Amino acid sequence: MMTSQTRRKKKVQCEIFLGLTSNMISSGTREIIRYLVEHKMVDYIVTTGGGIEEDLMKCMNPHYMGSFRLDGATLRKKGLNRIGNLIVPNDNYCSFEDWLTPILNAMHDEQDNDGEVWTPSK
């Protein structure tokens, strides 16, 4: 079904790029972005990969839907963190760090042992 917005966009013959930083997804605007894509209001999304740790953490342990209105200081006293409307227990960060640290150490050791520093330009 073509909406009036889609018809107008087609008539103008333009492509719309939505640029955003990765924290926009983690901080509770995921549903808004999904709506824009589903309703063909944007053609392309350009984003950073900075929120990859949040995605990995969500695979390891649950995050919870909360509210933008929850008080961060009160949550913090309970061992919880608020990222927009997502609630993340402190233990999730500890689990992620426990998983990632040995990988980073192994990467460092491999570079040390080979005498070669990895760079994106190689």
PDB file of N, CA and C in Angstrom:
ATOM      1  N   MET A   1       0.840  -1.175   0.000  1.00  0.00           N
ATOM      2  CA  MET A   1       0.000   0.000   0.000  1.00  0.00           C
ATOM      3  C   MET A   1       0.887   1.242   0.000  1.00  0.00           C
ATOM      4  N   MET A   2       0.632   2.119  -0.925  1.00  0.00           N
ATOM      5  CA  MET A   2       1.443   3.322  -1.039  1.00  0.00           C
ATOM      6  C   MET A   2       0.800   4.447  -0.224  1.00  0.00           C
ATOM      7  N   THR A   3       1.552   4.992   0.709  1.00  0.00           N
ATOM      8  CA  THR A   3       1.050   6.085   1.535  1.00  0.00           C
ATOM      9  C   THR A   3       1.231   7.414   0.798  1.00  0.00           C
ATOM     10  N   SER A   4       0.608   8.456   1.301  1.00  0.00           N
ATOM     11  CA  SER A   4       0.768   9.773   0.675  1.00  0.00           C
ATOM     12  C   SER A   4       2.222  10.228   0.757  1.00  0.00           C
ATOM     13  N   GLN A   5       2.899   9.858   1.848  1.00  0.00           N
ATOM     14  CA  GLN A   5       4.319  10.195   1.995  1.00  0.00           C
ATOM     15  C   GLN A   5       5.139   9.509   0.915  1.00  0.00           C
ATOM     16  N   THR A   6       4.856   8.218   0.664  1.00  0.00           N
ATOM     17  CA  THR A   6       5.587   7.465  -0.356  1.00  0.00           C
ATOM     18  C   THR A   6       5.317   8.034  -1.739  1.00  0.00           C
ATOM     19  N   ARG A   7       4.050   8.381  -2.020  1.00  0.00           N
ATOM     20  CA  ARG A   7       3.707   8.975  -3.324  1.00  0.00           C
ATOM     21  C   ARG A   7       4.427  10.305  -3.520  1.00  0.00           C
ATOM     22  N   ARG A   8       4.449  11.110  -2.472  1.00  0.00           N
ATOM     23  CA  ARG A   8       5.112  12.416  -2.555  1.00  0.00           C
ATOM     24  C   ARG A   8       6.614  12.227  -2.798  1.00  0.00           C
ATOM     25  N   LYS A   9       7.210  11.287  -2.109  1.00  0.00           N
ATOM     26  CA  LYS A   9       8.644  11.022  -2.279  1.00  0.00           C
ATOM     27  C   LYS A   9       8.942  10.536  -3.694  1.00  0.00           C
ATOM     28  N   LYS A  10       8.088   9.671  -4.212  1.00  0.00           N
ATOM     29  CA  LYS A  10       8.276   9.144  -5.567  1.00  0.00           C
ATOM     30  C   LYS A  10       8.142  10.263  -6.597  1.00  0.00           C
ATOM     31  N   LYS A  11       7.203  11.163  -6.377  1.00  0.00           N
ATOM     32  CA  LYS A  11       6.975  12.283  -7.297  1.00  0.00           C
ATOM     33  C   LYS A  11       8.183  13.215  -7.335  1.00  0.00           C
ATOM     34  N   VAL A  12       8.786  13.453  -6.191  1.00  0.00           N
ATOM     35  CA  VAL A  12       9.946  14.333  -6.103  1.00  0.00           C
ATOM     36  C   VAL A  12      11.192  13.638  -6.653  1.00  0.00           C
ATOM     37  N   GLN A  13      11.170  12.310  -6.678  1.00  0.00           N
ATOM     38  CA  GLN A  13      12.280  11.497  -7.162  1.00  0.00           C
ATOM     39  C   GLN A  13      13.563  11.755  -6.359  1.00  0.00           C
ATOM     40  N   CYS A  14      13.445  11.575  -5.083  1.00  0.00           N
ATOM     41  CA  CYS A  14      14.617  11.747  -4.229  1.00  0.00           C
ATOM     42  C   CYS A  14      14.837  10.486  -3.416  1.00  0.00           C
ATOM     43  N   GLU A  15      16.029  10.357  -2.916  1.00  0.00           N
ATOM     44  CA  GLU A  15      16.359   9.284  -1.994  1.00  0.00           C
ATOM     45  C   GLU A  15      16.713   9.930  -0.664  1.00  0.00           C
ATOM     46  N   ILE A  16      16.228   9.332   0.395  1.00  0.00           N
ATOM     47  CA  ILE A  16      16.440   9.906   1.723  1.00  0.00           C
ATOM     48  C   ILE A  16      17.388   9.022   2.517  1.00  0.00           C
ATOM     49  N   PHE A  17      18.455   9.638   3.003  1.00  0.00           N
ATOM     50  CA  PHE A  17      19.441   8.975   3.856  1.00  0.00           C
ATOM     51  C   PHE A  17      19.162   9.393   5.298  1.00  0.00           C
ATOM     52  N   LEU A  18      19.119   8.426   6.188  1.00  0.00           N
ATOM     53  CA  LEU A  18      18.993   8.705   7.614  1.00  0.00           C
ATOM     54  C   LEU A  18      20.340   8.406   8.242  1.00  0.00           C
ATOM     55  N   GLY A  19      20.994   9.418   8.747  1.00  0.00           N
ATOM     56  CA  GLY A  19      22.281   9.249   9.408  1.00  0.00           C
ATOM     57  C   GLY A  19      22.109   9.357  10.908  1.00  0.00           C
ATOM     58  N   LEU A  20      22.693   8.414  11.641  1.00  0.00           N
ATOM     59  CA  LEU A  20      22.573   8.449  13.089  1.00  0.00           C
ATOM     60  C   LEU A  20      23.739   7.705  13.715  1.00  0.00           C
ATOM     61  N   THR A  21      23.988   8.024  14.960  1.00  0.00           N
ATOM     62  CA  THR A  21      25.027   7.308  15.692  1.00  0.00           C
ATOM     63  C   THR A  21      24.400   6.063  16.312  1.00  0.00           C
ATOM     64  N   SER A  22      25.215   5.080  16.567  1.00  0.00           N
ATOM     65  CA  SER A  22      24.713   3.785  17.031  1.00  0.00           C
ATOM     66  C   SER A  22      23.959   3.876  18.355  1.00  0.00           C
ATOM     67  N   ASN A  23      24.312   4.837  19.181  1.00  0.00           N
ATOM     68  CA  ASN A  23      23.643   4.925  20.485  1.00  0.00           C
ATOM     69  C   ASN A  23      22.166   5.283  20.343  1.00  0.00           C
ATOM     70  N   MET A  24      21.758   5.777  19.190  1.00  0.00           N
ATOM     71  CA  MET A  24      20.346   6.083  18.973  1.00  0.00           C
ATOM     72  C   MET A  24      19.502   4.808  19.034  1.00  0.00           C
ATOM     73  N   ILE A  25      20.051   3.704  18.568  1.00  0.00           N
ATOM     74  CA  ILE A  25      19.332   2.433  18.607  1.00  0.00           C
ATOM     75  C   ILE A  25      19.236   1.953  20.055  1.00  0.00           C
ATOM     76  N   SER A  26      20.356   1.958  20.764  1.00  0.00           N
ATOM     77  CA  SER A  26      20.387   1.465  22.146  1.00  0.00           C
ATOM     78  C   SER A  26      19.547   2.318  23.079  1.00  0.00           C
ATOM     79  N   SER A  27      19.401   3.584  22.760  1.00  0.00           N
ATOM     80  CA  SER A  27      18.777   4.487  23.723  1.00  0.00           C
ATOM     81  C   SER A  27      17.276   4.618  23.549  1.00  0.00           C
ATOM     82  N   GLY A  28      16.670   3.715  22.802  1.00  0.00           N
ATOM     83  CA  GLY A  28      15.218   3.669  22.811  1.00  0.00           C
ATOM     84  C   GLY A  28      14.516   4.205  21.580  1.00  0.00           C
ATOM     85  N   THR A  29      15.228   4.583  20.555  1.00  0.00           N
ATOM     86  CA  THR A  29      14.550   5.093  19.349  1.00  0.00           C
ATOM     87  C   THR A  29      14.412   4.009  18.278  1.00  0.00           C
ATOM     88  N   ARG A  30      14.715   2.782  18.629  1.00  0.00           N
ATOM     89  CA  ARG A  30      14.647   1.655  17.683  1.00  0.00           C
ATOM     90  C   ARG A  30      13.290   1.592  16.997  1.00  0.00           C
ATOM     91  N   GLU A  31      12.211   1.732  17.756  1.00  0.00           N
ATOM     92  CA  GLU A  31      10.860   1.610  17.182  1.00  0.00           C
ATOM     93  C   GLU A  31      10.556   2.743  16.195  1.00  0.00           C
ATOM     94  N   ILE A  32      11.074   3.915  16.469  1.00  0.00           N
ATOM     95  CA  ILE A  32      10.866   5.046  15.547  1.00  0.00           C
ATOM     96  C   ILE A  32      11.596   4.780  14.235  1.00  0.00           C
ATOM     97  N   ILE A  33      12.824   4.304  14.339  1.00  0.00           N
ATOM     98  CA  ILE A  33      13.613   4.006  13.144  1.00  0.00           C
ATOM     99  C   ILE A  33      12.950   2.878  12.357  1.00  0.00           C
ATOM    100  N   ARG A  34      12.488   1.861  13.064  1.00  0.00           N
ATOM    101  CA  ARG A  34      11.787   0.749  12.406  1.00  0.00           C
ATOM    102  C   ARG A  34      10.551   1.250  11.664  1.00  0.00           C
ATOM    103  N   TYR A  35       9.798   2.146  12.279  1.00  0.00           N
ATOM    104  CA  TYR A  35       8.606   2.717  11.650  1.00  0.00           C
ATOM    105  C   TYR A  35       8.974   3.447  10.354  1.00  0.00           C
ATOM    106  N   LEU A  36      10.031   4.249  10.402  1.00  0.00           N
ATOM    107  CA  LEU A  36      10.454   4.984   9.210  1.00  0.00           C
ATOM    108  C   LEU A  36      10.814   4.039   8.066  1.00  0.00           C
ATOM    109  N   VAL A  37      11.494   2.952   8.395  1.00  0.00           N
ATOM    110  CA  VAL A  37      11.897   1.983   7.371  1.00  0.00           C
ATOM    111  C   VAL A  37      10.681   1.227   6.846  1.00  0.00           C
ATOM    112  N   GLU A  38       9.846   0.726   7.754  1.00  0.00           N
ATOM    113  CA  GLU A  38       8.664  -0.037   7.338  1.00  0.00           C
ATOM    114  C   GLU A  38       7.741   0.768   6.437  1.00  0.00           C
ATOM    115  N   HIS A  39       7.646   2.043   6.688  1.00  0.00           N
ATOM    116  CA  HIS A  39       6.754   2.907   5.907  1.00  0.00           C
ATOM    117  C   HIS A  39       7.474   3.610   4.761  1.00  0.00           C
ATOM    118  N   LYS A  40       8.650   3.084   4.447  1.00  0.00           N
ATOM    119  CA  LYS A  40       9.437   3.562   3.299  1.00  0.00           C
ATOM    120  C   LYS A  40       9.637   5.078   3.313  1.00  0.00           C
ATOM    121  N   MET A  41       9.861   5.602   4.507  1.00  0.00           N
ATOM    122  CA  MET A  41      10.108   7.032   4.656  1.00  0.00           C
ATOM    123  C   MET A  41      11.587   7.355   4.536  1.00  0.00           C
ATOM    124  N   VAL A  42      12.440   6.335   4.599  1.00  0.00           N
ATOM    125  CA  VAL A  42      13.876   6.484   4.354  1.00  0.00           C
ATOM    126  C   VAL A  42      14.306   5.375   3.397  1.00  0.00           C
ATOM    127  N   ASP A  43      15.319   5.673   2.604  1.00  0.00           N
ATOM    128  CA  ASP A  43      15.842   4.679   1.668  1.00  0.00           C
ATOM    129  C   ASP A  43      17.105   4.024   2.192  1.00  0.00           C
ATOM    130  N   TYR A  44      17.899   4.781   2.921  1.00  0.00           N
ATOM    131  CA  TYR A  44      19.187   4.283   3.400  1.00  0.00           C
ATOM    132  C   TYR A  44      19.399   4.718   4.837  1.00  0.00           C
ATOM    133  N   ILE A  45      20.061   3.849   5.583  1.00  0.00           N
ATOM    134  CA  ILE A  45      20.468   4.198   6.941  1.00  0.00           C
ATOM    135  C   ILE A  45      21.987   4.108   6.993  1.00  0.00           C
ATOM    136  N   VAL A  46      22.599   5.175   7.479  1.00  0.00           N
ATOM    137  CA  VAL A  46      24.049   5.218   7.652  1.00  0.00           C
ATOM    138  C   VAL A  46      24.287   5.398   9.145  1.00  0.00           C
ATOM    139  N   THR A  47      25.000   4.445   9.731  1.00  0.00           N
ATOM    140  CA  THR A  47      25.217   4.504  11.173  1.00  0.00           C
ATOM    141  C   THR A  47      26.625   4.037  11.515  1.00  0.00           C
ATOM    142  N   THR A  48      27.014   4.304  12.737  1.00  0.00           N
ATOM    143  CA  THR A  48      28.313   3.848  13.224  1.00  0.00           C
ATOM    144  C   THR A  48      28.144   2.455  13.832  1.00  0.00           C
ATOM    145  N   GLY A  49      29.225   1.779  14.061  1.00  0.00           N
ATOM    146  CA  GLY A  49      29.182   0.458  14.689  1.00  0.00           C
ATOM    147  C   GLY A  49      29.478   0.517  16.172  1.00  0.00           C
ATOM    148  N   GLY A  50      29.409   1.696  16.759  1.00  0.00           N
ATOM    149  CA  GLY A  50      29.807   1.880  18.147  1.00  0.00           C
ATOM    150  C   GLY A  50      28.963   1.130  19.159  1.00  0.00           C
ATOM    151  N   GLY A  51      27.747   0.759  18.824  1.00  0.00           N
ATOM    152  CA  GLY A  51      26.879   0.072  19.775  1.00  0.00           C
ATOM    153  C   GLY A  51      26.988  -1.435  19.717  1.00  0.00           C
ATOM    154  N   ILE A  52      28.027  -1.941  19.060  1.00  0.00           N
ATOM    155  CA  ILE A  52      28.163  -3.389  18.908  1.00  0.00           C
ATOM    156  C   ILE A  52      28.255  -4.086  20.262  1.00  0.00           C
ATOM    157  N   GLU A  53      28.860  -3.437  21.244  1.00  0.00           N
ATOM    158  CA  GLU A  53      28.971  -4.079  22.562  1.00  0.00           C
ATOM    159  C   GLU A  53      27.590  -4.279  23.182  1.00  0.00           C
ATOM    160  N   GLU A  54      26.679  -3.338  22.945  1.00  0.00           N
ATOM    161  CA  GLU A  54      25.318  -3.492  23.473  1.00  0.00           C
ATOM    162  C   GLU A  54      24.624  -4.681  22.809  1.00  0.00           C
ATOM    163  N   ASP A  55      24.822  -4.848  21.508  1.00  0.00           N
ATOM    164  CA  ASP A  55      24.221  -5.986  20.808  1.00  0.00           C
ATOM    165  C   ASP A  55      24.774  -7.304  21.329  1.00  0.00           C
ATOM    166  N   LEU A  56      26.078  -7.357  21.547  1.00  0.00           N
ATOM    167  CA  LEU A  56      26.684  -8.577  22.092  1.00  0.00           C
ATOM    168  C   LEU A  56      26.177  -8.849  23.503  1.00  0.00           C
ATOM    169  N   MET A  57      26.069  -7.803  24.304  1.00  0.00           N
ATOM    170  CA  MET A  57      25.577  -7.964  25.673  1.00  0.00           C
ATOM    171  C   MET A  57      24.147  -8.495  25.687  1.00  0.00           C
ATOM    172  N   LYS A  58      23.325  -8.031  24.733  1.00  0.00           N
ATOM    173  CA  LYS A  58      21.931  -8.499  24.661  1.00  0.00           C
ATOM    174  C   LYS A  58      21.864  -9.979  24.319  1.00  0.00           C
ATOM    175  N   CYS A  59      22.862 -10.482  23.605  1.00  0.00           N
ATOM    176  CA  CYS A  59      22.914 -11.917  23.291  1.00  0.00           C
ATOM    177  C   CYS A  59      23.308 -12.741  24.507  1.00  0.00           C
ATOM    178  N   MET A  60      24.047 -12.140  25.412  1.00  0.00           N
ATOM    179  CA  MET A  60      24.571 -12.869  26.563  1.00  0.00           C
ATOM    180  C   MET A  60      23.610 -12.867  27.750  1.00  0.00           C
ATOM    181  N   ASN A  61      22.970 -11.743  27.989  1.00  0.00           N
ATOM    182  CA  ASN A  61      22.101 -11.581  29.153  1.00  0.00           C
ATOM    183  C   ASN A  61      20.939 -10.664  28.790  1.00  0.00           C
ATOM    184  N   PRO A  62      19.815 -10.811  29.478  1.00  0.00           N
ATOM    185  CA  PRO A  62      18.657  -9.985  29.135  1.00  0.00           C
ATOM    186  C   PRO A  62      18.823  -8.513  29.514  1.00  0.00           C
ATOM    187  N   HIS A  63      18.263  -7.677  28.673  1.00  0.00           N
ATOM    188  CA  HIS A  63      18.060  -6.256  28.953  1.00  0.00           C
ATOM    189  C   HIS A  63      16.545  -6.107  29.099  1.00  0.00           C
ATOM    190  N   TYR A  64      16.115  -5.069  29.738  1.00  0.00           N
ATOM    191  CA  TYR A  64      14.690  -4.934  30.025  1.00  0.00           C
ATOM    192  C   TYR A  64      14.164  -3.603  29.498  1.00  0.00           C
ATOM    193  N   MET A  65      12.927  -3.629  29.019  1.00  0.00           N
ATOM    194  CA  MET A  65      12.288  -2.392  28.586  1.00  0.00           C
ATOM    195  C   MET A  65      11.854  -1.632  29.830  1.00  0.00           C
ATOM    196  N   GLY A  66      12.169  -0.363  29.832  1.00  0.00           N
ATOM    197  CA  GLY A  66      11.789   0.490  30.939  1.00  0.00           C
ATOM    198  C   GLY A  66      11.060   1.700  30.408  1.00  0.00           C
ATOM    199  N   SER A  67      11.425   2.837  30.913  1.00  0.00           N
ATOM    200  CA  SER A  67      10.806   4.091  30.514  1.00  0.00           C
ATOM    201  C   SER A  67      11.870   5.181  30.529  1.00  0.00           C
ATOM    202  N   PHE A  68      11.703   6.139  29.646  1.00  0.00           N
ATOM    203  CA  PHE A  68      12.598   7.293  29.635  1.00  0.00           C
ATOM    204  C   PHE A  68      12.465   8.081  30.932  1.00  0.00           C
ATOM    205  N   ARG A  69      11.369   7.906  31.632  1.00  0.00           N
ATOM    206  CA  ARG A  69      11.084   8.695  32.831  1.00  0.00           C
ATOM    207  C   ARG A  69      11.694   8.119  34.111  1.00  0.00           C
ATOM    208  N   LEU A  70      12.233   6.907  34.047  1.00  0.00           N
ATOM    209  CA  LEU A  70      12.815   6.315  35.252  1.00  0.00           C
ATOM    210  C   LEU A  70      14.022   7.127  35.716  1.00  0.00           C
ATOM    211  N   ASP A  71      14.168   7.252  37.013  1.00  0.00           N
ATOM    212  CA  ASP A  71      15.257   8.032  37.594  1.00  0.00           C
ATOM    213  C   ASP A  71      16.552   7.226  37.586  1.00  0.00           C
ATOM    214  N   GLY A  72      17.545   7.739  36.881  1.00  0.00           N
ATOM    215  CA  GLY A  72      18.825   7.044  36.751  1.00  0.00           C
ATOM    216  C   GLY A  72      19.525   6.825  38.080  1.00  0.00           C
ATOM    217  N   ALA A  73      19.489   7.795  38.965  1.00  0.00           N
ATOM    218  CA  ALA A  73      20.172   7.678  40.261  1.00  0.00           C
ATOM    219  C   ALA A  73      19.550   6.569  41.108  1.00  0.00           C
ATOM    220  N   THR A  74      18.233   6.484  41.096  1.00  0.00           N
ATOM    221  CA  THR A  74      17.534   5.442  41.854  1.00  0.00           C
ATOM    222  C   THR A  74      17.859   4.066  41.288  1.00  0.00           C
ATOM    223  N   LEU A  75      17.854   3.961  39.977  1.00  0.00           N
ATOM    224  CA  LEU A  75      18.199   2.687  39.340  1.00  0.00           C
ATOM    225  C   LEU A  75      19.628   2.281  39.675  1.00  0.00           C
ATOM    226  N   ARG A  76      20.517   3.242  39.634  1.00  0.00           N
ATOM    227  CA  ARG A  76      21.943   2.970  39.889  1.00  0.00           C
ATOM    228  C   ARG A  76      22.145   2.369  41.276  1.00  0.00           C
ATOM    229  N   LYS A  77      21.412   2.890  42.249  1.00  0.00           N
ATOM    230  CA  LYS A  77      21.506   2.362  43.617  1.00  0.00           C
ATOM    231  C   LYS A  77      21.065   0.905  43.682  1.00  0.00           C
ATOM    232  N   LYS A  78      20.244   0.485  42.722  1.00  0.00           N
ATOM    233  CA  LYS A  78      19.751  -0.899  42.660  1.00  0.00           C
ATOM    234  C   LYS A  78      20.604  -1.762  41.741  1.00  0.00           C
ATOM    235  N   GLY A  79      21.726  -1.206  41.256  1.00  0.00           N
ATOM    236  CA  GLY A  79      22.598  -1.982  40.383  1.00  0.00           C
ATOM    237  C   GLY A  79      22.102  -2.073  38.952  1.00  0.00           C
ATOM    238  N   LEU A  80      21.339  -1.074  38.542  1.00  0.00           N
ATOM    239  CA  LEU A  80      20.788  -1.043  37.188  1.00  0.00           C
ATOM    240  C   LEU A  80      21.216   0.231  36.476  1.00  0.00           C
ATOM    241  N   ASN A  81      21.288   0.148  35.163  1.00  0.00           N
ATOM    242  CA  ASN A  81      21.650   1.301  34.342  1.00  0.00           C
ATOM    243  C   ASN A  81      20.545   1.529  33.325  1.00  0.00           C
ATOM    244  N   ARG A  82      20.274   2.789  33.025  1.00  0.00           N
ATOM    245  CA  ARG A  82      19.255   3.115  32.028  1.00  0.00           C
ATOM    246  C   ARG A  82      19.941   3.682  30.806  1.00  0.00           C
ATOM    247  N   ILE A  83      19.657   3.072  29.649  1.00  0.00           N
ATOM    248  CA  ILE A  83      20.122   3.585  28.358  1.00  0.00           C
ATOM    249  C   ILE A  83      18.855   3.951  27.607  1.00  0.00           C
ATOM    250  N   GLY A  84      18.483   5.206  27.671  1.00  0.00           N
ATOM    251  CA  GLY A  84      17.197   5.591  27.081  1.00  0.00           C
ATOM    252  C   GLY A  84      16.090   4.907  27.851  1.00  0.00           C
ATOM    253  N   ASN A  85      15.367   4.018  27.161  1.00  0.00           N
ATOM    254  CA  ASN A  85      14.306   3.288  27.850  1.00  0.00           C
ATOM    255  C   ASN A  85      14.676   1.830  28.115  1.00  0.00           C
ATOM    256  N   LEU A  86      15.944   1.478  27.957  1.00  0.00           N
ATOM    257  CA  LEU A  86      16.412   0.123  28.244  1.00  0.00           C
ATOM    258  C   LEU A  86      17.065   0.083  29.618  1.00  0.00           C
ATOM    259  N   ILE A  87      16.803  -0.991  30.346  1.00  0.00           N
ATOM    260  CA  ILE A  87      17.391  -1.180  31.669  1.00  0.00           C
ATOM    261  C   ILE A  87      18.409  -2.323  31.568  1.00  0.00           C
ATOM    262  N   VAL A  88      19.634  -2.043  32.003  1.00  0.00           N
ATOM    263  CA  VAL A  88      20.721  -3.023  31.912  1.00  0.00           C
ATOM    264  C   VAL A  88      21.313  -3.236  33.305  1.00  0.00           C
ATOM    265  N   PRO A  89      21.219  -4.468  33.817  1.00  0.00           N
ATOM    266  CA  PRO A  89      21.838  -4.750  35.121  1.00  0.00           C
ATOM    267  C   PRO A  89      23.365  -4.617  35.047  1.00  0.00           C
ATOM    268  N   ASN A  90      23.978  -4.160  36.130  1.00  0.00           N
ATOM    269  CA  ASN A  90      25.441  -4.041  36.190  1.00  0.00           C
ATOM    270  C   ASN A  90      26.128  -5.348  35.834  1.00  0.00           C
ATOM    271  N   ASP A  91      25.560  -6.475  36.277  1.00  0.00           N
ATOM    272  CA  ASP A  91      26.164  -7.786  36.012  1.00  0.00           C
ATOM    273  C   ASP A  91      26.330  -8.054  34.525  1.00  0.00           C
ATOM    274  N   ASN A  92      25.479  -7.462  33.693  1.00  0.00           N
ATOM    275  CA  ASN A  92      25.606  -7.657  32.243  1.00  0.00           C
ATOM    276  C   ASN A  92      26.931  -7.081  31.742  1.00  0.00           C
ATOM    277  N   TYR A  93      27.323  -5.937  32.285  1.00  0.00           N
ATOM    278  CA  TYR A  93      28.599  -5.339  31.895  1.00  0.00           C
ATOM    279  C   TYR A  93      29.765  -6.206  32.375  1.00  0.00           C
ATOM    280  N   CYS A  94      29.638  -6.752  33.576  1.00  0.00           N
ATOM    281  CA  CYS A  94      30.694  -7.620  34.116  1.00  0.00           C
ATOM    282  C   CYS A  94      30.834  -8.887  33.275  1.00  0.00           C
ATOM    283  N   SER A  95      29.722  -9.489  32.899  1.00  0.00           N
ATOM    284  CA  SER A  95      29.757 -10.696  32.062  1.00  0.00           C
ATOM    285  C   SER A  95      30.404 -10.408  30.715  1.00  0.00           C
ATOM    286  N   PHE A  96      30.049  -9.270  30.141  1.00  0.00           N
ATOM    287  CA  PHE A  96      30.621  -8.888  28.847  1.00  0.00           C
ATOM    288  C   PHE A  96      32.132  -8.701  28.979  1.00  0.00           C
ATOM    289  N   GLU A  97      32.551  -8.017  30.020  1.00  0.00           N
ATOM    290  CA  GLU A  97      33.980  -7.786  30.241  1.00  0.00           C
ATOM    291  C   GLU A  97      34.717  -9.102  30.486  1.00  0.00           C
ATOM    292  N   ASP A  98      34.110 -10.008  31.246  1.00  0.00           N
ATOM    293  CA  ASP A  98      34.723 -11.320  31.498  1.00  0.00           C
ATOM    294  C   ASP A  98      34.883 -12.113  30.202  1.00  0.00           C
ATOM    295  N   TRP A  99      33.953 -11.955  29.283  1.00  0.00           N
ATOM    296  CA  TRP A  99      34.016 -12.649  27.994  1.00  0.00           C
ATOM    297  C   TRP A  99      35.033 -11.999  27.056  1.00  0.00           C
ATOM    298  N   LEU A 100      35.040 -10.668  27.027  1.00  0.00           N
ATOM    299  CA  LEU A 100      35.858  -9.942  26.052  1.00  0.00           C
ATOM    300  C   LEU A 100      37.334  -9.827  26.440  1.00  0.00           C
ATOM    301  N   THR A 101      37.629  -9.695  27.723  1.00  0.00           N
ATOM    302  CA  THR A 101      39.006  -9.473  28.163  1.00  0.00           C
ATOM    303  C   THR A 101      39.973 -10.556  27.689  1.00  0.00           C
ATOM    304  N   PRO A 102      39.651 -11.844  27.815  1.00  0.00           N
ATOM    305  CA  PRO A 102      40.587 -12.860  27.311  1.00  0.00           C
ATOM    306  C   PRO A 102      40.813 -12.766  25.793  1.00  0.00           C
ATOM    307  N   ILE A 103      39.801 -12.378  25.062  1.00  0.00           N
ATOM    308  CA  ILE A 103      39.949 -12.224  23.603  1.00  0.00           C
ATOM    309  C   ILE A 103      40.914 -11.084  23.301  1.00  0.00           C
ATOM    310  N   LEU A 104      40.724  -9.959  23.959  1.00  0.00           N
ATOM    311  CA  LEU A 104      41.614  -8.812  23.746  1.00  0.00           C
ATOM    312  C   LEU A 104      43.040  -9.132  24.189  1.00  0.00           C
ATOM    313  N   ASN A 105      43.183  -9.837  25.306  1.00  0.00           N
ATOM    314  CA  ASN A 105      44.520 -10.224  25.770  1.00  0.00           C
ATOM    315  C   ASN A 105      45.207 -11.135  24.761  1.00  0.00           C
ATOM    316  N   ALA A 106      44.460 -12.094  24.203  1.00  0.00           N
ATOM    317  CA  ALA A 106      45.029 -13.008  23.199  1.00  0.00           C
ATOM    318  C   ALA A 106      45.445 -12.239  21.947  1.00  0.00           C
ATOM    319  N   MET A 107      44.649 -11.272  21.536  1.00  0.00           N
ATOM    320  CA  MET A 107      44.999 -10.458  20.365  1.00  0.00           C
ATOM    321  C   MET A 107      46.279  -9.661  20.631  1.00  0.00           C
ATOM    322  N   HIS A 108      46.369  -9.099  21.838  1.00  0.00           N
ATOM    323  CA  HIS A 108      47.557  -8.337  22.200  1.00  0.00           C
ATOM    324  C   HIS A 108      48.794  -9.239  22.212  1.00  0.00           C
ATOM    325  N   ASP A 109      48.653 -10.411  22.821  1.00  0.00           N
ATOM    326  CA  ASP A 109      49.779 -11.341  22.915  1.00  0.00           C
ATOM    327  C   ASP A 109      50.238 -11.784  21.523  1.00  0.00           C
ATOM    328  N   GLU A 110      49.289 -12.044  20.642  1.00  0.00           N
ATOM    329  CA  GLU A 110      49.645 -12.457  19.281  1.00  0.00           C
ATOM    330  C   GLU A 110      50.443 -11.362  18.568  1.00  0.00           C
ATOM    331  N   GLN A 111      50.031 -10.118  18.731  1.00  0.00           N
ATOM    332  CA  GLN A 111      50.772  -9.013  18.111  1.00  0.00           C
ATOM    333  C   GLN A 111      52.157  -8.873  18.733  1.00  0.00           C
ATOM    334  N   ASP A 112      52.227  -9.027  20.058  1.00  0.00           N
ATOM    335  CA  ASP A 112      53.511  -8.961  20.760  1.00  0.00           C
ATOM    336  C   ASP A 112      54.458 -10.062  20.277  1.00  0.00           C
ATOM    337  N   ASN A 113      53.948 -11.278  20.199  1.00  0.00           N
ATOM    338  CA  ASN A 113      54.768 -12.434  19.816  1.00  0.00           C
ATOM    339  C   ASN A 113      55.214 -12.357  18.354  1.00  0.00           C
ATOM    340  N   ASP A 114      54.353 -11.852  17.474  1.00  0.00           N
ATOM    341  CA  ASP A 114      54.691 -11.759  16.047  1.00  0.00           C
ATOM    342  C   ASP A 114      55.483 -10.491  15.730  1.00  0.00           C
ATOM    343  N   GLY A 115      55.514  -9.556  16.668  1.00  0.00           N
ATOM    344  CA  GLY A 115      56.219  -8.297  16.429  1.00  0.00           C
ATOM    345  C   GLY A 115      55.530  -7.424  15.391  1.00  0.00           C
ATOM    346  N   GLU A 116      54.242  -7.630  15.227  1.00  0.00           N
ATOM    347  CA  GLU A 116      53.507  -6.854  14.225  1.00  0.00           C
ATOM    348  C   GLU A 116      52.261  -6.252  14.878  1.00  0.00           C
ATOM    349  N   VAL A 117      52.056  -4.971  14.631  1.00  0.00           N
ATOM    350  CA  VAL A 117      50.877  -4.299  15.153  1.00  0.00           C
ATOM    351  C   VAL A 117      49.795  -4.317  14.084  1.00  0.00           C
ATOM    352  N   TRP A 118      48.613  -4.806  14.449  1.00  0.00           N
ATOM    353  CA  TRP A 118      47.509  -4.838  13.492  1.00  0.00           C
ATOM    354  C   TRP A 118      46.963  -3.435  13.288  1.00  0.00           C
ATOM    355  N   THR A 119      46.693  -3.095  12.062  1.00  0.00           N
ATOM    356  CA  THR A 119      46.068  -1.813  11.753  1.00  0.00           C
ATOM    357  C   THR A 119      45.010  -2.031  10.685  1.00  0.00           C
ATOM    358  N   PRO A 120      44.008  -1.183  10.630  1.00  0.00           N
ATOM    359  CA  PRO A 120      42.977  -1.314   9.599  1.00  0.00           C
ATOM    360  C   PRO A 120      43.521  -1.050   8.198  1.00  0.00           C
ATOM    361  N   SER A 121      44.659  -0.383   8.116  1.00  0.00           N
ATOM    362  CA  SER A 121      45.192  -0.023   6.802  1.00  0.00           C
ATOM    363  C   SER A 121      45.974  -1.146   6.128  1.00  0.00           C
ATOM    364  N   LYS A 122      46.144  -2.279   6.797  1.00  0.00           N
ATOM    365  CA  LYS A 122      46.884  -3.394   6.180  1.00  0.00           C
ATOM    366  C   LYS A 122      45.934  -4.426   5.636  1.00  0.00           C
TER     367      LYS A 122
END
